[in-house]
């Protein structure tokens, strides 16, 4: 796999786990925690939302859904 793609997928998984651990986070929390741009954070969050892993209960806030996820170790 392309190293850039591998880094992106790892970061998206880490973002999901971060949200799962904290319950509700803001886009800005993700930007600060991962040291990424607002646009990169939004792109990662959109991937998770598209796959029905997270939802936005209010503008700029994110939480996980009840969808079952099998995470590799």
Protein backbone atom coordinates (compact mmCIF):
# COMPACT_ATOMS: atom_id res chain seq x y z
CA UNK A 1 0.00 0.00 0.00
CA UNK A 2 1.13 3.56 -0.68
CA UNK A 3 2.78 5.00 2.48
CA UNK A 4 0.61 8.14 2.29
CA UNK A 5 -2.55 6.03 2.06
CA UNK A 6 -1.37 3.88 4.96
CA UNK A 7 -0.77 7.01 7.10
CA UNK A 8 -4.19 8.40 6.19
CA UNK A 9 -5.99 5.15 7.08
CA UNK A 10 -4.09 4.90 10.37
CA UNK A 11 -5.00 8.52 11.21
CA UNK A 12 -8.68 7.96 10.36
CA UNK A 13 -8.73 4.88 12.61
CA UNK A 14 -7.06 6.91 15.38
CA UNK A 15 -9.60 9.72 14.94
CA UNK A 16 -12.43 7.18 15.28
CA UNK A 17 -10.89 5.74 18.45
CA UNK A 18 -10.39 9.26 19.82
CA UNK A 19 -14.08 10.08 19.31
CA UNK A 20 -15.15 6.69 20.69
CA UNK A 21 -13.06 7.29 23.83
CA UNK A 22 -14.34 10.82 24.47
CA UNK A 23 -17.98 10.53 23.47
CA UNK A 24 -18.43 13.89 21.75
CA UNK A 25 -15.66 15.97 20.22
CA UNK A 26 -15.48 19.06 18.05
CA UNK A 27 -13.70 19.36 14.74
CA UNK A 28 -11.28 21.71 16.50
CA UNK A 29 -10.52 19.00 19.12
CA UNK A 30 -9.49 16.68 16.27
CA UNK A 31 -7.34 19.40 14.65
CA UNK A 32 -5.50 20.05 17.92
CA UNK A 33 -5.15 16.41 18.99
CA UNK A 34 -3.71 15.21 15.69
CA UNK A 35 -1.85 18.34 14.59
CA UNK A 36 -3.64 18.43 11.23
CA UNK A 37 -5.33 21.18 9.27
CA UNK A 38 -9.01 21.91 9.59
CA UNK A 39 -9.51 20.68 6.00
CA UNK A 40 -7.72 17.37 6.68
CA UNK A 41 -9.77 16.85 9.85
CA UNK A 42 -12.99 17.54 7.95
CA UNK A 43 -11.99 15.12 5.19
CA UNK A 44 -11.23 12.38 7.76
CA UNK A 45 -14.51 13.05 9.59
CA UNK A 46 -16.40 12.90 6.28
CA UNK A 47 -14.92 9.46 5.56
CA UNK A 48 -16.06 8.23 8.97
CA UNK A 49 -19.51 9.79 8.54
CA UNK A 50 -19.90 8.33 5.03
CA UNK A 51 -19.20 4.87 6.49
CA UNK A 52 -21.80 5.52 9.22
CA UNK A 53 -19.23 5.27 12.01
CA UNK A 54 -19.80 8.77 13.35
CA UNK A 55 -22.61 11.29 13.29
CA UNK A 56 -22.89 15.00 13.94
CA UNK A 57 -25.50 15.80 16.63
CA UNK A 58 -24.76 19.53 16.23
CA UNK A 59 -22.74 21.59 13.78
CA UNK A 60 -19.03 20.96 14.36
CA UNK A 61 -19.57 18.22 16.96
CA UNK A 62 -19.08 14.50 16.38
CA UNK A 63 -19.96 11.27 18.15
CA UNK A 64 -19.81 7.60 17.24
CA UNK A 65 -22.79 5.60 16.02
CA UNK A 66 -23.92 2.19 17.27
CA UNK A 67 -22.53 0.52 14.13
CA UNK A 68 -20.39 -2.48 15.04
CA UNK A 69 -16.73 -2.11 14.13
CA UNK A 70 -14.07 -4.80 14.05
CA UNK A 71 -10.74 -3.09 14.55
CA UNK A 72 -7.49 -4.82 13.67
CA UNK A 73 -4.90 -4.70 16.42
